[in-house]
């Protein structure tokens, strides 16, 4: 079993342009900085809406949750919190979804069952 995290990126034009990061592997302490660097690179290139596809995430640790929180803070200005949702998740496997739910992450960063439903939900 390969636990290394790989990330593929795609740009999707909808109501607003959305950058989609497809994660494959373990989101943990070893991959935390990789996710942050990838998100920072997208933000610096002009992305303002981000969808993180968790369909292929095999494990999510506390370091992985910390990385997701940092990505949320990068994309969401303090004055916009609770007004505009700029970071969303989709396709979280059951074990990952349960961790996100128990820890309260889904209160700020919503998860959608499909990539398309998440993309359709973005608006300025």
PDB file of N, CA and C in Angstrom:
ATOM      1  N   UNK A   1       0.840  -1.168   0.000  1.00  0.00           N
ATOM      2  CA  UNK A   1       0.000   0.000   0.000  1.00  0.00           C
ATOM      3  C   UNK A   1       0.890   1.237   0.000  1.00  0.00           C
ATOM      4  N   UNK A   2       0.649   2.146  -0.959  1.00  0.00           N
ATOM      5  CA  UNK A   2       1.418   3.381  -1.062  1.00  0.00           C
ATOM      6  C   UNK A   2       0.698   4.463  -0.273  1.00  0.00           C
ATOM      7  N   UNK A   3       1.355   5.001   0.746  1.00  0.00           N
ATOM      8  CA  UNK A   3       0.711   6.004   1.583  1.00  0.00           C
ATOM      9  C   UNK A   3       1.103   7.425   1.206  1.00  0.00           C
ATOM     10  N   UNK A   4       1.998   7.587   0.249  1.00  0.00           N
ATOM     11  CA  UNK A   4       2.410   8.918  -0.171  1.00  0.00           C
ATOM     12  C   UNK A   4       1.225   9.650  -0.794  1.00  0.00           C
ATOM     13  N   UNK A   5       1.148  10.952  -0.545  1.00  0.00           N
ATOM     14  CA  UNK A   5       0.069  11.754  -1.113  1.00  0.00           C
ATOM     15  C   UNK A   5       0.483  12.284  -2.473  1.00  0.00           C
ATOM     16  N   UNK A   6      -0.402  12.134  -3.440  1.00  0.00           N
ATOM     17  CA  UNK A   6      -0.232  12.784  -4.735  1.00  0.00           C
ATOM     18  C   UNK A   6      -1.435  13.693  -4.935  1.00  0.00           C
ATOM     19  N   UNK A   7      -1.209  14.765  -5.667  1.00  0.00           N
ATOM     20  CA  UNK A   7      -2.277  15.734  -5.909  1.00  0.00           C
ATOM     21  C   UNK A   7      -2.292  16.061  -7.394  1.00  0.00           C
ATOM     22  N   UNK A   8      -3.463  15.965  -7.990  1.00  0.00           N
ATOM     23  CA  UNK A   8      -3.644  16.443  -9.357  1.00  0.00           C
ATOM     24  C   UNK A   8      -4.578  17.646  -9.292  1.00  0.00           C
ATOM     25  N   UNK A   9      -4.358  18.579 -10.186  1.00  0.00           N
ATOM     26  CA  UNK A   9      -5.090  19.837 -10.163  1.00  0.00           C
ATOM     27  C   UNK A   9      -5.847  20.025 -11.469  1.00  0.00           C
ATOM     28  N   UNK A  10      -7.057  20.571 -11.356  1.00  0.00           N
ATOM     29  CA  UNK A  10      -7.806  20.914 -12.559  1.00  0.00           C
ATOM     30  C   UNK A  10      -8.536  22.225 -12.315  1.00  0.00           C
ATOM     31  N   UNK A  11      -8.741  22.965 -13.377  1.00  0.00           N
ATOM     32  CA  UNK A  11      -9.475  24.226 -13.320  1.00  0.00           C
ATOM     33  C   UNK A  11     -10.838  23.998 -13.960  1.00  0.00           C
ATOM     34  N   UNK A  12     -11.896  24.400 -13.262  1.00  0.00           N
ATOM     35  CA  UNK A  12     -13.252  24.204 -13.766  1.00  0.00           C
ATOM     36  C   UNK A  12     -13.953  25.552 -13.803  1.00  0.00           C
ATOM     37  N   UNK A  13     -14.534  25.876 -14.969  1.00  0.00           N
ATOM     38  CA  UNK A  13     -15.286  27.121 -15.115  1.00  0.00           C
ATOM     39  C   UNK A  13     -16.758  26.826 -14.853  1.00  0.00           C
ATOM     40  N   UNK A  14     -17.326  27.490 -13.897  1.00  0.00           N
ATOM     41  CA  UNK A  14     -18.749  27.360 -13.567  1.00  0.00           C
ATOM     42  C   UNK A  14     -19.289  28.744 -13.309  1.00  0.00           C
ATOM     43  N   UNK A  15     -20.141  28.868 -12.292  1.00  0.00           N
ATOM     44  CA  UNK A  15     -20.612  30.204 -11.902  1.00  0.00           C
ATOM     45  C   UNK A  15     -19.420  31.079 -11.532  1.00  0.00           C
ATOM     46  N   UNK A  16     -18.433  30.446 -10.912  1.00  0.00           N
ATOM     47  CA  UNK A  16     -17.144  31.075 -10.616  1.00  0.00           C
ATOM     48  C   UNK A  16     -16.062  30.067 -10.997  1.00  0.00           C
ATOM     49  N   UNK A  17     -14.861  30.535 -11.330  1.00  0.00           N
ATOM     50  CA  UNK A  17     -13.783  29.577 -11.620  1.00  0.00           C
ATOM     51  C   UNK A  17     -13.349  28.877 -10.333  1.00  0.00           C
ATOM     52  N   UNK A  18     -13.247  27.555 -10.387  1.00  0.00           N
ATOM     53  CA  UNK A  18     -12.900  26.758  -9.216  1.00  0.00           C
ATOM     54  C   UNK A  18     -11.672  25.908  -9.545  1.00  0.00           C
ATOM     55  N   UNK A  19     -10.713  25.909  -8.640  1.00  0.00           N
ATOM     56  CA  UNK A  19      -9.571  25.012  -8.738  1.00  0.00           C
ATOM     57  C   UNK A  19      -9.911  23.762  -7.941  1.00  0.00           C
ATOM     58  N   UNK A  20      -9.766  22.607  -8.575  1.00  0.00           N
ATOM     59  CA  UNK A  20     -10.064  21.337  -7.920  1.00  0.00           C
ATOM     60  C   UNK A  20      -8.750  20.607  -7.678  1.00  0.00           C
ATOM     61  N   UNK A  21      -8.534  20.227  -6.419  1.00  0.00           N
ATOM     62  CA  UNK A  21      -7.377  19.409  -6.065  1.00  0.00           C
ATOM     63  C   UNK A  21      -7.875  18.001  -5.768  1.00  0.00           C
ATOM     64  N   UNK A  22      -7.373  17.032  -6.522  1.00  0.00           N
ATOM     65  CA  UNK A  22      -7.720  15.628  -6.318  1.00  0.00           C
ATOM     66  C   UNK A  22      -6.600  14.999  -5.504  1.00  0.00           C
ATOM     67  N   UNK A  23      -6.911  14.584  -4.279  1.00  0.00           N
ATOM     68  CA  UNK A  23      -5.917  14.001  -3.385  1.00  0.00           C
ATOM     69  C   UNK A  23      -5.973  12.482  -3.466  1.00  0.00           C
ATOM     70  N   UNK A  24      -4.781  11.860  -3.491  1.00  0.00           N
ATOM     71  CA  UNK A  24      -4.661  10.404  -3.563  1.00  0.00           C
ATOM     72  C   UNK A  24      -3.632   9.955  -2.524  1.00  0.00           C
ATOM     73  N   UNK A  25      -4.042   9.151  -1.553  1.00  0.00           N
ATOM     74  CA  UNK A  25      -3.099   8.639  -0.548  1.00  0.00           C
ATOM     75  C   UNK A  25      -3.461   9.076   0.851  1.00  0.00           C
ATOM     76  N   UNK A  26      -2.461   9.288   1.669  1.00  0.00           N
ATOM     77  CA  UNK A  26      -2.651   9.652   3.076  1.00  0.00           C
ATOM     78  C   UNK A  26      -2.441  11.144   3.264  1.00  0.00           C
ATOM     79  N   UNK A  27      -3.372  11.779   3.954  1.00  0.00           N
ATOM     80  CA  UNK A  27      -3.223  13.182   4.331  1.00  0.00           C
ATOM     81  C   UNK A  27      -2.795  13.178   5.797  1.00  0.00           C
ATOM     82  N   UNK A  28      -1.491  13.327   6.008  1.00  0.00           N
ATOM     83  CA  UNK A  28      -0.915  13.182   7.345  1.00  0.00           C
ATOM     84  C   UNK A  28       0.255  14.156   7.505  1.00  0.00           C
ATOM     85  N   UNK A  29       1.054  13.967   8.532  1.00  0.00           N
ATOM     86  CA  UNK A  29       2.173  14.876   8.806  1.00  0.00           C
ATOM     87  C   UNK A  29       3.186  14.909   7.667  1.00  0.00           C
ATOM     88  N   UNK A  30       3.391  13.781   7.010  1.00  0.00           N
ATOM     89  CA  UNK A  30       4.353  13.743   5.903  1.00  0.00           C
ATOM     90  C   UNK A  30       3.856  14.505   4.680  1.00  0.00           C
ATOM     91  N   UNK A  31       2.550  14.632   4.515  1.00  0.00           N
ATOM     92  CA  UNK A  31       2.006  15.282   3.316  1.00  0.00           C
ATOM     93  C   UNK A  31       1.413  16.659   3.592  1.00  0.00           C
ATOM     94  N   UNK A  32       1.402  17.067   4.846  1.00  0.00           N
ATOM     95  CA  UNK A  32       0.796  18.351   5.221  1.00  0.00           C
ATOM     96  C   UNK A  32       1.376  19.518   4.426  1.00  0.00           C
ATOM     97  N   UNK A  33       2.687  19.643   4.406  1.00  0.00           N
ATOM     98  CA  UNK A  33       3.327  20.768   3.706  1.00  0.00           C
ATOM     99  C   UNK A  33       3.104  20.698   2.191  1.00  0.00           C
ATOM    100  N   UNK A  34       3.020  19.499   1.656  1.00  0.00           N
ATOM    101  CA  UNK A  34       2.770  19.339   0.224  1.00  0.00           C
ATOM    102  C   UNK A  34       1.397  19.903  -0.142  1.00  0.00           C
ATOM    103  N   UNK A  35       0.376  19.578   0.643  1.00  0.00           N
ATOM    104  CA  UNK A  35      -0.961  20.128   0.386  1.00  0.00           C
ATOM    105  C   UNK A  35      -0.947  21.645   0.530  1.00  0.00           C
ATOM    106  N   UNK A  36      -0.322  22.150   1.581  1.00  0.00           N
ATOM    107  CA  UNK A  36      -0.263  23.602   1.787  1.00  0.00           C
ATOM    108  C   UNK A  36       0.454  24.306   0.643  1.00  0.00           C
ATOM    109  N   UNK A  37       1.559  23.745   0.194  1.00  0.00           N
ATOM    110  CA  UNK A  37       2.313  24.353  -0.906  1.00  0.00           C
ATOM    111  C   UNK A  37       1.501  24.348  -2.197  1.00  0.00           C
ATOM    112  N   UNK A  38       0.783  23.265  -2.452  1.00  0.00           N
ATOM    113  CA  UNK A  38      -0.045  23.170  -3.658  1.00  0.00           C
ATOM    114  C   UNK A  38      -1.176  24.190  -3.604  1.00  0.00           C
ATOM    115  N   UNK A  39      -1.826  24.319  -2.456  1.00  0.00           N
ATOM    116  CA  UNK A  39      -2.905  25.292  -2.297  1.00  0.00           C
ATOM    117  C   UNK A  39      -2.374  26.720  -2.404  1.00  0.00           C
ATOM    118  N   UNK A  40      -1.221  26.976  -1.790  1.00  0.00           N
ATOM    119  CA  UNK A  40      -0.613  28.309  -1.848  1.00  0.00           C
ATOM    120  C   UNK A  40      -0.252  28.678  -3.280  1.00  0.00           C
ATOM    121  N   UNK A  41       0.265  27.706  -4.017  1.00  0.00           N
ATOM    122  CA  UNK A  41       0.614  27.930  -5.427  1.00  0.00           C
ATOM    123  C   UNK A  41      -0.634  28.299  -6.229  1.00  0.00           C
ATOM    124  N   UNK A  42      -1.732  27.596  -5.999  1.00  0.00           N
ATOM    125  CA  UNK A  42      -2.987  27.899  -6.698  1.00  0.00           C
ATOM    126  C   UNK A  42      -3.487  29.289  -6.318  1.00  0.00           C
ATOM    127  N   UNK A  43      -3.430  29.613  -5.029  1.00  0.00           N
ATOM    128  CA  UNK A  43      -3.877  30.925  -4.560  1.00  0.00           C
ATOM    129  C   UNK A  43      -3.025  32.033  -5.176  1.00  0.00           C
ATOM    130  N   UNK A  44      -1.729  31.861  -5.168  1.00  0.00           N
ATOM    131  CA  UNK A  44      -0.815  32.863  -5.729  1.00  0.00           C
ATOM    132  C   UNK A  44      -1.025  33.036  -7.230  1.00  0.00           C
ATOM    133  N   UNK A  45      -1.525  31.989  -7.885  1.00  0.00           N
ATOM    134  CA  UNK A  45      -1.796  32.057  -9.331  1.00  0.00           C
ATOM    135  C   UNK A  45      -3.168  32.671  -9.613  1.00  0.00           C
ATOM    136  N   UNK A  46      -3.916  33.033  -8.560  1.00  0.00           N
ATOM    137  CA  UNK A  46      -5.191  33.717  -8.761  1.00  0.00           C
ATOM    138  C   UNK A  46      -6.434  32.944  -8.379  1.00  0.00           C
ATOM    139  N   UNK A  47      -6.291  31.702  -7.976  1.00  0.00           N
ATOM    140  CA  UNK A  47      -7.465  30.916  -7.568  1.00  0.00           C
ATOM    141  C   UNK A  47      -8.063  31.524  -6.304  1.00  0.00           C
ATOM    142  N   UNK A  48      -9.397  31.634  -6.269  1.00  0.00           N
ATOM    143  CA  UNK A  48     -10.068  32.151  -5.082  1.00  0.00           C
ATOM    144  C   UNK A  48     -11.131  31.196  -4.556  1.00  0.00           C
ATOM    145  N   UNK A  49     -11.434  30.156  -5.331  1.00  0.00           N
ATOM    146  CA  UNK A  49     -12.370  29.124  -4.907  1.00  0.00           C
ATOM    147  C   UNK A  49     -11.700  27.776  -5.102  1.00  0.00           C
ATOM    148  N   UNK A  50     -11.754  26.937  -4.054  1.00  0.00           N
ATOM    149  CA  UNK A  50     -11.020  25.683  -4.065  1.00  0.00           C
ATOM    150  C   UNK A  50     -11.933  24.532  -3.657  1.00  0.00           C
ATOM    151  N   UNK A  51     -11.879  23.463  -4.419  1.00  0.00           N
ATOM    152  CA  UNK A  51     -12.587  22.230  -4.091  1.00  0.00           C
ATOM    153  C   UNK A  51     -11.544  21.141  -3.897  1.00  0.00           C
ATOM    154  N   UNK A  52     -11.604  20.476  -2.753  1.00  0.00           N
ATOM    155  CA  UNK A  52     -10.674  19.391  -2.466  1.00  0.00           C
ATOM    156  C   UNK A  52     -11.431  18.074  -2.553  1.00  0.00           C
ATOM    157  N   UNK A  53     -11.077  17.278  -3.562  1.00  0.00           N
ATOM    158  CA  UNK A  53     -11.724  15.988  -3.793  1.00  0.00           C
ATOM    159  C   UNK A  53     -10.996  14.933  -2.969  1.00  0.00           C
ATOM    160  N   UNK A  54     -11.702  14.374  -1.986  1.00  0.00           N
ATOM    161  CA  UNK A  54     -11.110  13.414  -1.055  1.00  0.00           C
ATOM    162  C   UNK A  54     -11.386  11.960  -1.420  1.00  0.00           C
ATOM    163  N   UNK A  55     -11.925  11.704  -2.589  1.00  0.00           N
ATOM    164  CA  UNK A  55     -12.357  10.352  -2.964  1.00  0.00           C
ATOM    165  C   UNK A  55     -11.264   9.308  -2.787  1.00  0.00           C
ATOM    166  N   UNK A  56     -10.022   9.664  -3.033  1.00  0.00           N
ATOM    167  CA  UNK A  56      -8.924   8.698  -2.985  1.00  0.00           C
ATOM    168  C   UNK A  56      -8.046   8.861  -1.739  1.00  0.00           C
ATOM    169  N   UNK A  57      -8.552   9.576  -0.732  1.00  0.00           N
ATOM    170  CA  UNK A  57      -7.795   9.716   0.517  1.00  0.00           C
ATOM    171  C   UNK A  57      -8.036   8.470   1.351  1.00  0.00           C
ATOM    172  N   UNK A  58      -6.954   7.784   1.680  1.00  0.00           N
ATOM    173  CA  UNK A  58      -7.049   6.529   2.426  1.00  0.00           C
ATOM    174  C   UNK A  58      -7.044   6.745   3.932  1.00  0.00           C
ATOM    175  N   UNK A  59      -6.393   7.825   4.385  1.00  0.00           N
ATOM    176  CA  UNK A  59      -6.329   8.107   5.819  1.00  0.00           C
ATOM    177  C   UNK A  59      -6.196   9.608   6.021  1.00  0.00           C
ATOM    178  N   UNK A  60      -6.823  10.076   7.078  1.00  0.00           N
ATOM    179  CA  UNK A  60      -6.757  11.489   7.457  1.00  0.00           C
ATOM    180  C   UNK A  60      -6.374  11.551   8.929  1.00  0.00           C
ATOM    181  N   UNK A  61      -5.230  12.162   9.214  1.00  0.00           N
ATOM    182  CA  UNK A  61      -4.759  12.272  10.594  1.00  0.00           C
ATOM    183  C   UNK A  61      -4.982  13.698  11.095  1.00  0.00           C
ATOM    184  N   UNK A  62      -4.623  13.936  12.340  1.00  0.00           N
ATOM    185  CA  UNK A  62      -4.766  15.283  12.900  1.00  0.00           C
ATOM    186  C   UNK A  62      -3.915  16.290  12.125  1.00  0.00           C
ATOM    187  N   UNK A  63      -2.766  15.883  11.643  1.00  0.00           N
ATOM    188  CA  UNK A  63      -1.935  16.780  10.824  1.00  0.00           C
ATOM    189  C   UNK A  63      -2.624  17.091   9.504  1.00  0.00           C
ATOM    190  N   UNK A  64      -3.307  16.122   8.946  1.00  0.00           N
ATOM    191  CA  UNK A  64      -4.068  16.361   7.724  1.00  0.00           C
ATOM    192  C   UNK A  64      -5.209  17.327   7.948  1.00  0.00           C
ATOM    193  N   UNK A  65      -5.878  17.196   9.083  1.00  0.00           N
ATOM    194  CA  UNK A  65      -6.957  18.136   9.413  1.00  0.00           C
ATOM    195  C   UNK A  65      -6.393  19.541   9.617  1.00  0.00           C
ATOM    196  N   UNK A  66      -5.227  19.613  10.245  1.00  0.00           N
ATOM    197  CA  UNK A  66      -4.565  20.913  10.421  1.00  0.00           C
ATOM    198  C   UNK A  66      -4.257  21.530   9.059  1.00  0.00           C
ATOM    199  N   UNK A  67      -3.807  20.729   8.115  1.00  0.00           N
ATOM    200  CA  UNK A  67      -3.522  21.226   6.774  1.00  0.00           C
ATOM    201  C   UNK A  67      -4.791  21.760   6.111  1.00  0.00           C
ATOM    202  N   UNK A  68      -5.899  21.042   6.242  1.00  0.00           N
ATOM    203  CA  UNK A  68      -7.164  21.514   5.671  1.00  0.00           C
ATOM    204  C   UNK A  68      -7.578  22.841   6.299  1.00  0.00           C
ATOM    205  N   UNK A  69      -7.392  22.982   7.598  1.00  0.00           N
ATOM    206  CA  UNK A  69      -7.735  24.227   8.283  1.00  0.00           C
ATOM    207  C   UNK A  69      -6.865  25.377   7.793  1.00  0.00           C
ATOM    208  N   UNK A  70      -5.583  25.121   7.568  1.00  0.00           N
ATOM    209  CA  UNK A  70      -4.687  26.163   7.057  1.00  0.00           C
ATOM    210  C   UNK A  70      -5.064  26.574   5.640  1.00  0.00           C
ATOM    211  N   UNK A  71      -5.469  25.613   4.829  1.00  0.00           N
ATOM    212  CA  UNK A  71      -5.925  25.926   3.470  1.00  0.00           C
ATOM    213  C   UNK A  71      -7.181  26.797   3.541  1.00  0.00           C
ATOM    214  N   UNK A  72      -8.101  26.441   4.429  1.00  0.00           N
ATOM    215  CA  UNK A  72      -9.320  27.244   4.630  1.00  0.00           C
ATOM    216  C   UNK A  72      -8.950  28.683   4.994  1.00  0.00           C
ATOM    217  N   UNK A  73      -8.021  28.847   5.905  1.00  0.00           N
ATOM    218  CA  UNK A  73      -7.613  30.201   6.322  1.00  0.00           C
ATOM    219  C   UNK A  73      -6.929  30.961   5.198  1.00  0.00           C
ATOM    220  N   UNK A  74      -6.161  30.266   4.380  1.00  0.00           N
ATOM    221  CA  UNK A  74      -5.496  30.909   3.248  1.00  0.00           C
ATOM    222  C   UNK A  74      -6.515  31.487   2.273  1.00  0.00           C
ATOM    223  N   UNK A  75      -7.569  30.736   1.989  1.00  0.00           N
ATOM    224  CA  UNK A  75      -8.549  31.145   0.985  1.00  0.00           C
ATOM    225  C   UNK A  75      -9.676  32.014   1.537  1.00  0.00           C
ATOM    226  N   UNK A  76      -9.829  32.073   2.848  1.00  0.00           N
ATOM    227  CA  UNK A  76     -10.978  32.766   3.429  1.00  0.00           C
ATOM    228  C   UNK A  76     -10.503  33.885   4.346  1.00  0.00           C
ATOM    229  N   UNK A  77     -10.717  35.115   3.907  1.00  0.00           N
ATOM    230  CA  UNK A  77     -10.344  36.271   4.721  1.00  0.00           C
ATOM    231  C   UNK A  77     -11.211  36.306   5.980  1.00  0.00           C
ATOM    232  N   UNK A  78     -10.656  36.826   7.053  1.00  0.00           N
ATOM    233  CA  UNK A  78     -11.350  36.869   8.347  1.00  0.00           C
ATOM    234  C   UNK A  78     -12.741  37.500   8.224  1.00  0.00           C
ATOM    235  N   UNK A  79     -12.848  38.601   7.504  1.00  0.00           N
ATOM    236  CA  UNK A  79     -14.132  39.300   7.386  1.00  0.00           C
ATOM    237  C   UNK A  79     -15.140  38.551   6.514  1.00  0.00           C
ATOM    238  N   UNK A  80     -14.698  37.541   5.765  1.00  0.00           N
ATOM    239  CA  UNK A  80     -15.601  36.774   4.909  1.00  0.00           C
ATOM    240  C   UNK A  80     -16.104  35.493   5.561  1.00  0.00           C
ATOM    241  N   UNK A  81     -15.497  35.085   6.658  1.00  0.00           N
ATOM    242  CA  UNK A  81     -15.902  33.824   7.291  1.00  0.00           C
ATOM    243  C   UNK A  81     -17.376  33.888   7.625  1.00  0.00           C
ATOM    244  N   UNK A  82     -18.066  32.828   7.363  1.00  0.00           N
ATOM    245  CA  UNK A  82     -19.511  32.679   7.561  1.00  0.00           C
ATOM    246  C   UNK A  82     -20.325  33.459   6.534  1.00  0.00           C
ATOM    247  N   UNK A  83     -19.673  34.091   5.539  1.00  0.00           N
ATOM    248  CA  UNK A  83     -20.389  34.818   4.497  1.00  0.00           C
ATOM    249  C   UNK A  83     -20.208  34.148   3.138  1.00  0.00           C
ATOM    250  N   UNK A  84     -18.962  33.895   2.770  1.00  0.00           N
ATOM    251  CA  UNK A  84     -18.643  33.281   1.485  1.00  0.00           C
ATOM    252  C   UNK A  84     -17.817  32.029   1.755  1.00  0.00           C
ATOM    253  N   UNK A  85     -18.260  30.907   1.226  1.00  0.00           N
ATOM    254  CA  UNK A  85     -17.512  29.661   1.391  1.00  0.00           C
ATOM    255  C   UNK A  85     -16.616  29.501   0.173  1.00  0.00           C
ATOM    256  N   UNK A  86     -15.327  29.614   0.390  1.00  0.00           N
ATOM    257  CA  UNK A  86     -14.354  29.553  -0.697  1.00  0.00           C
ATOM    258  C   UNK A  86     -13.671  28.194  -0.813  1.00  0.00           C
ATOM    259  N   UNK A  87     -13.742  27.389   0.248  1.00  0.00           N
ATOM    260  CA  UNK A  87     -13.126  26.058   0.245  1.00  0.00           C
ATOM    261  C   UNK A  87     -14.200  25.029   0.582  1.00  0.00           C
ATOM    262  N   UNK A  88     -14.307  24.013  -0.258  1.00  0.00           N
ATOM    263  CA  UNK A  88     -15.280  22.939  -0.044  1.00  0.00           C
ATOM    264  C   UNK A  88     -14.592  21.602  -0.279  1.00  0.00           C
ATOM    265  N   UNK A  89     -15.201  20.573   0.247  1.00  0.00           N
ATOM    266  CA  UNK A  89     -14.713  19.201   0.093  1.00  0.00           C
ATOM    267  C   UNK A  89     -15.752  18.394  -0.662  1.00  0.00           C
ATOM    268  N   UNK A  90     -15.314  17.313  -1.290  1.00  0.00           N
ATOM    269  CA  UNK A  90     -16.277  16.399  -1.898  1.00  0.00           C
ATOM    270  C   UNK A  90     -15.744  14.973  -1.861  1.00  0.00           C
ATOM    271  N   UNK A  91     -16.688  14.056  -1.965  1.00  0.00           N
ATOM    272  CA  UNK A  91     -16.395  12.623  -2.095  1.00  0.00           C
ATOM    273  C   UNK A  91     -15.604  12.027  -0.944  1.00  0.00           C
ATOM    274  N   UNK A  92     -15.768  12.553   0.263  1.00  0.00           N
ATOM    275  CA  UNK A  92     -15.016  12.006   1.395  1.00  0.00           C
ATOM    276  C   UNK A  92     -15.458  10.567   1.651  1.00  0.00           C
ATOM    277  N   UNK A  93     -14.521   9.617   1.675  1.00  0.00           N
ATOM    278  CA  UNK A  93     -14.872   8.245   2.047  1.00  0.00           C
ATOM    279  C   UNK A  93     -15.452   8.244   3.463  1.00  0.00           C
ATOM    280  N   UNK A  94     -16.237   7.231   3.775  1.00  0.00           N
ATOM    281  CA  UNK A  94     -16.950   7.185   5.049  1.00  0.00           C
ATOM    282  C   UNK A  94     -16.031   7.408   6.248  1.00  0.00           C
ATOM    283  N   UNK A  95     -14.886   6.728   6.302  1.00  0.00           N
ATOM    284  CA  UNK A  95     -14.005   6.885   7.457  1.00  0.00           C
ATOM    285  C   UNK A  95     -13.462   8.306   7.565  1.00  0.00           C
ATOM    286  N   UNK A  96     -13.190   8.958   6.435  1.00  0.00           N
ATOM    287  CA  UNK A  96     -12.706  10.343   6.431  1.00  0.00           C
ATOM    288  C   UNK A  96     -13.854  11.281   6.800  1.00  0.00           C
ATOM    289  N   UNK A  97     -15.023  11.035   6.249  1.00  0.00           N
ATOM    290  CA  UNK A  97     -16.203  11.854   6.563  1.00  0.00           C
ATOM    291  C   UNK A  97     -16.505  11.806   8.055  1.00  0.00           C
ATOM    292  N   UNK A  98     -16.417  10.635   8.661  1.00  0.00           N
ATOM    293  CA  UNK A  98     -16.689  10.497  10.093  1.00  0.00           C
ATOM    294  C   UNK A  98     -15.705  11.310  10.924  1.00  0.00           C
ATOM    295  N   UNK A  99     -14.437  11.275  10.559  1.00  0.00           N
ATOM    296  CA  UNK A  99     -13.428  12.063  11.276  1.00  0.00           C
ATOM    297  C   UNK A  99     -13.731  13.556  11.137  1.00  0.00           C
ATOM    298  N   UNK A 100     -14.056  13.988   9.936  1.00  0.00           N
ATOM    299  CA  UNK A 100     -14.376  15.403   9.713  1.00  0.00           C
ATOM    300  C   UNK A 100     -15.609  15.830  10.509  1.00  0.00           C
ATOM    301  N   UNK A 101     -16.595  14.959  10.572  1.00  0.00           N
ATOM    302  CA  UNK A 101     -17.816  15.277  11.305  1.00  0.00           C
ATOM    303  C   UNK A 101     -17.602  15.339  12.802  1.00  0.00           C
ATOM    304  N   UNK A 102     -16.915  14.364  13.350  1.00  0.00           N
ATOM    305  CA  UNK A 102     -16.681  14.302  14.794  1.00  0.00           C
ATOM    306  C   UNK A 102     -15.858  15.501  15.272  1.00  0.00           C
ATOM    307  N   UNK A 103     -14.927  15.949  14.457  1.00  0.00           N
ATOM    308  CA  UNK A 103     -14.049  17.045  14.859  1.00  0.00           C
ATOM    309  C   UNK A 103     -14.642  18.421  14.597  1.00  0.00           C
ATOM    310  N   UNK A 104     -15.798  18.495  13.942  1.00  0.00           N
ATOM    311  CA  UNK A 104     -16.453  19.772  13.701  1.00  0.00           C
ATOM    312  C   UNK A 104     -16.019  20.488  12.431  1.00  0.00           C
ATOM    313  N   UNK A 105     -15.165  19.870  11.631  1.00  0.00           N
ATOM    314  CA  UNK A 105     -14.694  20.513  10.409  1.00  0.00           C
ATOM    315  C   UNK A 105     -15.822  20.868   9.454  1.00  0.00           C
ATOM    316  N   UNK A 106     -16.835  20.041   9.413  1.00  0.00           N
ATOM    317  CA  UNK A 106     -17.900  20.237   8.421  1.00  0.00           C
ATOM    318  C   UNK A 106     -18.776  21.445   8.735  1.00  0.00           C
ATOM    319  N   UNK A 107     -18.576  22.078   9.878  1.00  0.00           N
ATOM    320  CA  UNK A 107     -19.312  23.306  10.189  1.00  0.00           C
ATOM    321  C   UNK A 107     -18.801  24.473   9.348  1.00  0.00           C
ATOM    322  N   UNK A 108     -17.517  24.486   9.054  1.00  0.00           N
ATOM    323  CA  UNK A 108     -16.926  25.573   8.267  1.00  0.00           C
ATOM    324  C   UNK A 108     -16.601  25.179   6.837  1.00  0.00           C
ATOM    325  N   UNK A 109     -16.267  23.922   6.653  1.00  0.00           N
ATOM    326  CA  UNK A 109     -15.859  23.445   5.327  1.00  0.00           C
ATOM    327  C   UNK A 109     -16.822  22.331   4.929  1.00  0.00           C
ATOM    328  N   UNK A 110     -17.815  22.641   4.100  1.00  0.00           N
ATOM    329  CA  UNK A 110     -18.812  21.626   3.762  1.00  0.00           C
ATOM    330  C   UNK A 110     -18.270  20.541   2.838  1.00  0.00           C
ATOM    331  N   UNK A 111     -18.848  19.348   2.965  1.00  0.00           N
ATOM    332  CA  UNK A 111     -18.527  18.219   2.104  1.00  0.00           C
ATOM    333  C   UNK A 111     -19.749  17.885   1.253  1.00  0.00           C
ATOM    334  N   UNK A 112     -19.520  17.625  -0.013  1.00  0.00           N
ATOM    335  CA  UNK A 112     -20.592  17.254  -0.941  1.00  0.00           C
ATOM    336  C   UNK A 112     -20.363  15.830  -1.422  1.00  0.00           C
ATOM    337  N   UNK A 113     -21.445  15.149  -1.744  1.00  0.00           N
ATOM    338  CA  UNK A 113     -21.343  13.745  -2.160  1.00  0.00           C
ATOM    339  C   UNK A 113     -20.698  13.576  -3.522  1.00  0.00           C
ATOM    340  N   UNK A 114     -20.838  14.575  -4.381  1.00  0.00           N
ATOM    341  CA  UNK A 114     -20.238  14.483  -5.719  1.00  0.00           C
ATOM    342  C   UNK A 114     -19.469  15.760  -6.034  1.00  0.00           C
ATOM    343  N   UNK A 115     -18.529  15.640  -6.935  1.00  0.00           N
ATOM    344  CA  UNK A 115     -17.781  16.816  -7.367  1.00  0.00           C
ATOM    345  C   UNK A 115     -18.708  17.815  -8.041  1.00  0.00           C
ATOM    346  N   UNK A 116     -19.620  17.331  -8.857  1.00  0.00           N
ATOM    347  CA  UNK A 116     -20.500  18.244  -9.582  1.00  0.00           C
ATOM    348  C   UNK A 116     -21.407  19.028  -8.632  1.00  0.00           C
ATOM    349  N   UNK A 117     -21.963  18.369  -7.611  1.00  0.00           N
ATOM    350  CA  UNK A 117     -22.824  19.097  -6.676  1.00  0.00           C
ATOM    351  C   UNK A 117     -22.025  20.149  -5.917  1.00  0.00           C
ATOM    352  N   UNK A 118     -20.770  19.861  -5.606  1.00  0.00           N
ATOM    353  CA  UNK A 118     -19.918  20.852  -4.949  1.00  0.00           C
ATOM    354  C   UNK A 118     -19.642  22.025  -5.889  1.00  0.00           C
ATOM    355  N   UNK A 119     -19.305  21.729  -7.133  1.00  0.00           N
ATOM    356  CA  UNK A 119     -19.036  22.799  -8.099  1.00  0.00           C
ATOM    357  C   UNK A 119     -20.264  23.689  -8.301  1.00  0.00           C
ATOM    358  N   UNK A 120     -21.433  23.065  -8.374  1.00  0.00           N
ATOM    359  CA  UNK A 120     -22.673  23.816  -8.567  1.00  0.00           C
ATOM    360  C   UNK A 120     -22.989  24.729  -7.387  1.00  0.00           C
ATOM    361  N   UNK A 121     -22.445  24.435  -6.212  1.00  0.00           N
ATOM    362  CA  UNK A 121     -22.768  25.201  -5.017  1.00  0.00           C
ATOM    363  C   UNK A 121     -21.921  26.469  -4.864  1.00  0.00           C
ATOM    364  N   UNK A 122     -20.862  26.600  -5.624  1.00  0.00           N
ATOM    365  CA  UNK A 122     -19.998  27.791  -5.503  1.00  0.00           C
ATOM    366  C   UNK A 122     -20.672  29.003  -6.111  1.00  0.00           C
ATOM    367  N   UNK A 123     -20.590  30.114  -5.401  1.00  0.00           N
ATOM    368  CA  UNK A 123     -21.043  31.390  -5.929  1.00  0.00           C
ATOM    369  C   UNK A 123     -20.360  32.495  -5.159  1.00  0.00           C
ATOM    370  N   UNK A 124     -20.303  33.678  -5.776  1.00  0.00           N
ATOM    371  CA  UNK A 124     -19.641  34.811  -5.095  1.00  0.00           C
ATOM    372  C   UNK A 124     -20.593  35.482  -4.161  1.00  0.00           C
TER     373      UNK A 124
END
